[in-house]
Amino acid sequence: MPFVENAFKHVSKGKNQPNYIRIALSVKDQVLQFEIENSSSGQKNTVLNEHAYQGIGLKNVRRRLELLYPENYQLDITNEERRYCVQLSIALQNSRTSKSVLI
C-alpha cells in the first residue's frame, strides 16, 4: 500500500506531459508480481535495488518485506526522468522448505 500512496503523492502534474499511474498485479509460476508506475517530473535516471533506499518510508517497507518474506522477494525501483516504477515479486512458496508463504 505505501507504493500506491507514494505514486499518488508524487505523480507528475505537468500540463505539457502525460500524467498517469499504472498498477499491475498478477501471479505466474507461484510468484506474485506487483508493479506500479507513475509519471514523474523528476530528472533522475537510476535503478535502485532492494538494498538502496532514500527515505524512511522505503526503509520501513524493506524491513517489513524482510520480516515477512525473508529470501522470498525481490524489490526493484527505477527512477527515470519522466517515470518512476516499483516492481515487487514475492515467491508464494519458500524455496528452502517448500512451504506456502502467507500474503
N, C-alpha and C. Protein backbone atom coordinates (compact mmCIF):
# COMPACT_ATOMS: atom_id res chain seq x y z
N MET A 1 0.80 -1.20 0.00
CA MET A 1 0.00 0.00 0.00
C MET A 1 0.86 1.27 0.00
N PRO A 2 2.01 1.29 0.67
CA PRO A 2 2.83 2.51 0.63
C PRO A 2 3.24 2.91 -0.79
N PHE A 3 3.44 1.92 -1.67
CA PHE A 3 3.83 2.25 -3.04
C PHE A 3 2.69 2.93 -3.79
N VAL A 4 1.46 2.52 -3.54
CA VAL A 4 0.30 3.16 -4.18
C VAL A 4 0.15 4.59 -3.67
N GLU A 5 0.25 4.76 -2.37
CA GLU A 5 0.18 6.11 -1.79
C GLU A 5 1.28 7.00 -2.36
N ASN A 6 2.47 6.45 -2.47
CA ASN A 6 3.61 7.20 -2.99
C ASN A 6 3.37 7.63 -4.44
N ALA A 7 2.78 6.74 -5.25
CA ALA A 7 2.51 7.07 -6.65
C ALA A 7 1.54 8.25 -6.75
N PHE A 8 0.50 8.25 -5.94
CA PHE A 8 -0.46 9.35 -5.98
C PHE A 8 0.15 10.65 -5.45
N LYS A 9 1.03 10.51 -4.49
CA LYS A 9 1.66 11.70 -3.90
C LYS A 9 2.65 12.35 -4.87
N HIS A 10 3.37 11.52 -5.64
CA HIS A 10 4.47 12.04 -6.45
C HIS A 10 4.22 12.01 -7.96
N VAL A 11 3.00 11.70 -8.40
CA VAL A 11 2.73 11.70 -9.84
C VAL A 11 2.96 13.10 -10.39
N SER A 12 3.46 13.16 -11.62
CA SER A 12 3.72 14.47 -12.23
C SER A 12 2.41 15.22 -12.41
N LYS A 13 2.51 16.50 -12.43
CA LYS A 13 1.33 17.34 -12.58
C LYS A 13 1.52 18.34 -13.72
N GLY A 14 2.43 18.01 -14.64
CA GLY A 14 2.74 18.92 -15.74
C GLY A 14 1.64 18.98 -16.78
N LYS A 15 1.42 20.16 -17.31
CA LYS A 15 0.40 20.34 -18.34
C LYS A 15 0.89 19.87 -19.71
N ASN A 16 2.19 19.84 -19.91
CA ASN A 16 2.75 19.50 -21.22
C ASN A 16 3.30 18.09 -21.30
N GLN A 17 2.85 17.21 -20.43
CA GLN A 17 3.31 15.82 -20.47
C GLN A 17 2.17 14.92 -20.00
N PRO A 18 2.21 13.66 -20.39
CA PRO A 18 1.18 12.73 -19.90
C PRO A 18 1.36 12.49 -18.40
N ASN A 19 0.28 12.52 -17.67
CA ASN A 19 0.29 12.25 -16.24
C ASN A 19 -0.51 10.98 -16.00
N TYR A 20 0.13 9.98 -15.40
CA TYR A 20 -0.55 8.69 -15.27
C TYR A 20 -0.05 7.91 -14.06
N ILE A 21 -0.86 6.95 -13.65
CA ILE A 21 -0.49 5.93 -12.67
C ILE A 21 -0.98 4.61 -13.23
N ARG A 22 -0.11 3.62 -13.28
CA ARG A 22 -0.47 2.29 -13.79
C ARG A 22 -0.14 1.27 -12.71
N ILE A 23 -1.11 0.41 -12.40
CA ILE A 23 -0.92 -0.63 -11.38
C ILE A 23 -1.20 -1.98 -12.02
N ALA A 24 -0.30 -2.93 -11.83
CA ALA A 24 -0.48 -4.29 -12.36
C ALA A 24 -0.18 -5.29 -11.25
N LEU A 25 -1.01 -6.31 -11.17
CA LEU A 25 -0.85 -7.37 -10.17
C LEU A 25 -1.18 -8.69 -10.84
N SER A 26 -0.28 -9.66 -10.70
CA SER A 26 -0.52 -10.97 -11.31
C SER A 26 0.21 -12.05 -10.52
N VAL A 27 -0.18 -13.29 -10.77
CA VAL A 27 0.51 -14.44 -10.21
C VAL A 27 0.91 -15.33 -11.38
N LYS A 28 2.18 -15.66 -11.44
CA LYS A 28 2.69 -16.52 -12.51
C LYS A 28 3.75 -17.43 -11.93
N ASP A 29 3.60 -18.72 -12.15
CA ASP A 29 4.58 -19.71 -11.68
C ASP A 29 4.85 -19.57 -10.18
N GLN A 30 3.80 -19.43 -9.39
CA GLN A 30 3.89 -19.32 -7.94
C GLN A 30 4.65 -18.08 -7.47
N VAL A 31 4.63 -17.03 -8.29
CA VAL A 31 5.27 -15.77 -7.91
C VAL A 31 4.24 -14.65 -8.08
N LEU A 32 4.00 -13.93 -7.00
CA LEU A 32 3.15 -12.75 -7.04
C LEU A 32 3.97 -11.61 -7.60
N GLN A 33 3.47 -10.97 -8.64
CA GLN A 33 4.19 -9.87 -9.27
C GLN A 33 3.34 -8.61 -9.18
N PHE A 34 3.90 -7.59 -8.56
CA PHE A 34 3.23 -6.30 -8.40
C PHE A 34 4.09 -5.24 -9.04
N GLU A 35 3.47 -4.38 -9.83
CA GLU A 35 4.20 -3.28 -10.44
C GLU A 35 3.33 -2.04 -10.41
N ILE A 36 3.93 -0.95 -10.01
CA ILE A 36 3.25 0.34 -10.06
C ILE A 36 4.19 1.34 -10.70
N GLU A 37 3.65 2.09 -11.62
CA GLU A 37 4.43 3.06 -12.37
C GLU A 37 3.65 4.37 -12.42
N ASN A 38 4.36 5.47 -12.28
CA ASN A 38 3.71 6.77 -12.42
C ASN A 38 4.62 7.73 -13.17
N SER A 39 3.97 8.68 -13.81
CA SER A 39 4.73 9.72 -14.48
C SER A 39 5.43 10.56 -13.41
N SER A 40 6.56 11.10 -13.79
CA SER A 40 7.37 11.85 -12.84
C SER A 40 7.90 13.11 -13.50
N SER A 41 8.03 14.13 -12.74
CA SER A 41 8.63 15.36 -13.27
C SER A 41 10.08 15.48 -12.84
N GLY A 42 10.58 14.45 -12.16
CA GLY A 42 11.97 14.45 -11.69
C GLY A 42 12.95 14.30 -12.83
N GLN A 43 14.23 14.43 -12.53
CA GLN A 43 15.25 14.35 -13.56
C GLN A 43 16.28 13.28 -13.26
N LYS A 44 15.95 12.35 -12.38
CA LYS A 44 16.89 11.29 -12.04
C LYS A 44 16.82 10.19 -13.08
N ASN A 45 17.86 9.41 -13.19
CA ASN A 45 17.89 8.27 -14.08
C ASN A 45 18.70 7.18 -13.40
N THR A 46 18.06 6.48 -12.48
CA THR A 46 18.77 5.48 -11.69
C THR A 46 17.91 4.25 -11.51
N VAL A 47 18.55 3.14 -11.24
CA VAL A 47 17.85 1.92 -10.85
C VAL A 47 18.33 1.60 -9.45
N LEU A 48 17.38 1.41 -8.53
CA LEU A 48 17.70 1.13 -7.14
C LEU A 48 17.33 -0.31 -6.86
N ASN A 49 18.20 -1.05 -6.23
CA ASN A 49 17.84 -2.42 -5.87
C ASN A 49 17.29 -2.46 -4.45
N GLU A 50 17.02 -3.65 -3.96
CA GLU A 50 16.35 -3.76 -2.67
C GLU A 50 17.19 -3.24 -1.50
N HIS A 51 18.48 -2.98 -1.71
CA HIS A 51 19.32 -2.51 -0.62
C HIS A 51 19.63 -1.01 -0.71
N ALA A 52 19.14 -0.34 -1.74
CA ALA A 52 19.42 1.08 -1.90
C ALA A 52 18.14 1.88 -1.76
N TYR A 53 18.03 2.59 -0.66
CA TYR A 53 16.81 3.35 -0.39
C TYR A 53 17.17 4.76 -0.02
N GLN A 54 16.20 5.65 -0.22
CA GLN A 54 16.46 7.05 0.08
C GLN A 54 15.45 7.66 1.03
N GLY A 55 14.61 6.93 1.63
CA GLY A 55 13.64 7.54 2.53
C GLY A 55 13.24 6.59 3.63
N ILE A 56 12.73 7.15 4.70
CA ILE A 56 12.31 6.33 5.84
C ILE A 56 11.19 5.39 5.43
N GLY A 57 10.24 5.89 4.61
CA GLY A 57 9.14 5.04 4.17
C GLY A 57 9.63 3.82 3.42
N LEU A 58 10.56 4.00 2.50
CA LEU A 58 11.09 2.86 1.75
C LEU A 58 11.92 1.94 2.63
N LYS A 59 12.64 2.49 3.58
CA LYS A 59 13.40 1.65 4.51
C LYS A 59 12.45 0.79 5.34
N ASN A 60 11.34 1.38 5.77
CA ASN A 60 10.36 0.62 6.54
C ASN A 60 9.71 -0.48 5.72
N VAL A 61 9.42 -0.20 4.46
CA VAL A 61 8.85 -1.23 3.57
C VAL A 61 9.84 -2.38 3.43
N ARG A 62 11.11 -2.05 3.23
CA ARG A 62 12.12 -3.10 3.08
C ARG A 62 12.21 -3.96 4.34
N ARG A 63 12.19 -3.32 5.51
CA ARG A 63 12.24 -4.07 6.77
C ARG A 63 11.04 -5.00 6.90
N ARG A 64 9.88 -4.49 6.54
CA ARG A 64 8.66 -5.30 6.63
C ARG A 64 8.73 -6.49 5.67
N LEU A 65 9.19 -6.26 4.45
CA LEU A 65 9.34 -7.35 3.49
C LEU A 65 10.33 -8.40 4.01
N GLU A 66 11.42 -7.93 4.58
CA GLU A 66 12.44 -8.85 5.10
C GLU A 66 11.90 -9.68 6.26
N LEU A 67 11.07 -9.08 7.10
CA LEU A 67 10.47 -9.82 8.21
C LEU A 67 9.44 -10.84 7.74
N LEU A 68 8.62 -10.45 6.77
CA LEU A 68 7.53 -11.32 6.32
C LEU A 68 7.96 -12.35 5.27
N TYR A 69 8.89 -11.97 4.39
CA TYR A 69 9.26 -12.83 3.27
C TYR A 69 10.78 -12.93 3.10
N PRO A 70 11.51 -13.30 4.14
CA PRO A 70 12.98 -13.34 4.01
C PRO A 70 13.39 -14.27 2.87
N GLU A 71 14.23 -13.75 1.99
CA GLU A 71 14.75 -14.50 0.85
C GLU A 71 13.67 -14.95 -0.13
N ASN A 72 12.47 -14.41 -0.03
CA ASN A 72 11.39 -14.81 -0.93
C ASN A 72 10.82 -13.62 -1.70
N TYR A 73 11.55 -12.54 -1.77
CA TYR A 73 11.04 -11.38 -2.51
C TYR A 73 12.18 -10.69 -3.24
N GLN A 74 11.79 -9.91 -4.24
CA GLN A 74 12.73 -9.05 -4.94
C GLN A 74 12.05 -7.71 -5.16
N LEU A 75 12.74 -6.64 -4.86
CA LEU A 75 12.19 -5.30 -4.99
C LEU A 75 13.14 -4.47 -5.84
N ASP A 76 12.62 -3.92 -6.93
CA ASP A 76 13.40 -3.06 -7.82
C ASP A 76 12.65 -1.75 -8.01
N ILE A 77 13.38 -0.66 -7.91
CA ILE A 77 12.80 0.66 -8.08
C ILE A 77 13.60 1.39 -9.16
N THR A 78 12.90 1.88 -10.16
CA THR A 78 13.53 2.62 -11.25
C THR A 78 13.03 4.05 -11.21
N ASN A 79 13.96 4.98 -11.19
CA ASN A 79 13.62 6.40 -11.16
C ASN A 79 14.25 7.06 -12.37
N GLU A 80 13.45 7.27 -13.40
CA GLU A 80 13.93 7.89 -14.62
C GLU A 80 13.42 9.32 -14.71
N GLU A 81 13.82 10.01 -15.75
CA GLU A 81 13.47 11.43 -15.88
C GLU A 81 11.96 11.67 -15.85
N ARG A 82 11.18 10.86 -16.52
CA ARG A 82 9.73 11.08 -16.60
C ARG A 82 8.93 9.89 -16.09
N ARG A 83 9.57 8.96 -15.39
CA ARG A 83 8.90 7.72 -14.99
C ARG A 83 9.50 7.20 -13.69
N TYR A 84 8.64 6.77 -12.78
CA TYR A 84 9.05 6.14 -11.53
C TYR A 84 8.33 4.81 -11.47
N CYS A 85 9.06 3.72 -11.26
CA CYS A 85 8.46 2.39 -11.32
C CYS A 85 8.96 1.52 -10.16
N VAL A 86 8.02 0.84 -9.51
CA VAL A 86 8.34 -0.11 -8.45
C VAL A 86 7.89 -1.49 -8.91
N GLN A 87 8.78 -2.46 -8.85
CA GLN A 87 8.46 -3.84 -9.19
C GLN A 87 8.78 -4.71 -7.97
N LEU A 88 7.76 -5.43 -7.51
CA LEU A 88 7.91 -6.30 -6.35
C LEU A 88 7.45 -7.70 -6.73
N SER A 89 8.31 -8.68 -6.50
CA SER A 89 7.97 -10.08 -6.73
C SER A 89 8.10 -10.82 -5.41
N ILE A 90 7.09 -11.64 -5.10
CA ILE A 90 7.12 -12.44 -3.87
C ILE A 90 6.86 -13.89 -4.25
N ALA A 91 7.81 -14.76 -3.92
CA ALA A 91 7.61 -16.20 -4.15
C ALA A 91 6.55 -16.70 -3.19
N LEU A 92 5.54 -17.36 -3.73
CA LEU A 92 4.44 -17.83 -2.89
C LEU A 92 4.75 -19.16 -2.23
N GLN A 93 5.91 -19.71 -2.54
CA GLN A 93 6.35 -20.94 -1.89
C GLN A 93 7.81 -20.77 -1.52
N ASN A 94 8.13 -21.07 -0.28
CA ASN A 94 9.51 -20.95 0.21
C ASN A 94 10.37 -21.98 -0.50
N SER A 95 11.41 -21.53 -1.18
CA SER A 95 12.26 -22.44 -1.95
C SER A 95 13.06 -23.39 -1.07
N ARG A 96 13.32 -23.00 0.17
CA ARG A 96 14.10 -23.88 1.06
C ARG A 96 13.25 -24.94 1.73
N THR A 97 12.01 -24.59 2.08
CA THR A 97 11.18 -25.52 2.84
C THR A 97 10.01 -26.08 2.05
N SER A 98 9.76 -25.55 0.86
CA SER A 98 8.62 -25.94 0.02
C SER A 98 7.28 -25.67 0.69
N LYS A 99 7.26 -24.81 1.69
CA LYS A 99 6.01 -24.43 2.34
C LYS A 99 5.45 -23.19 1.68
N SER A 100 4.13 -23.09 1.69
CA SER A 100 3.48 -21.91 1.13
C SER A 100 3.77 -20.70 2.00
N VAL A 101 3.89 -19.56 1.35
CA VAL A 101 4.13 -18.30 2.03
C VAL A 101 2.81 -17.56 2.14
N LEU A 102 2.48 -17.08 3.32
CA LEU A 102 1.25 -16.32 3.51
C LEU A 102 1.43 -14.89 3.02
N ILE A 103 0.43 -14.38 2.30
CA ILE A 103 0.48 -12.99 1.85
C ILE A 103 -0.71 -12.23 2.37
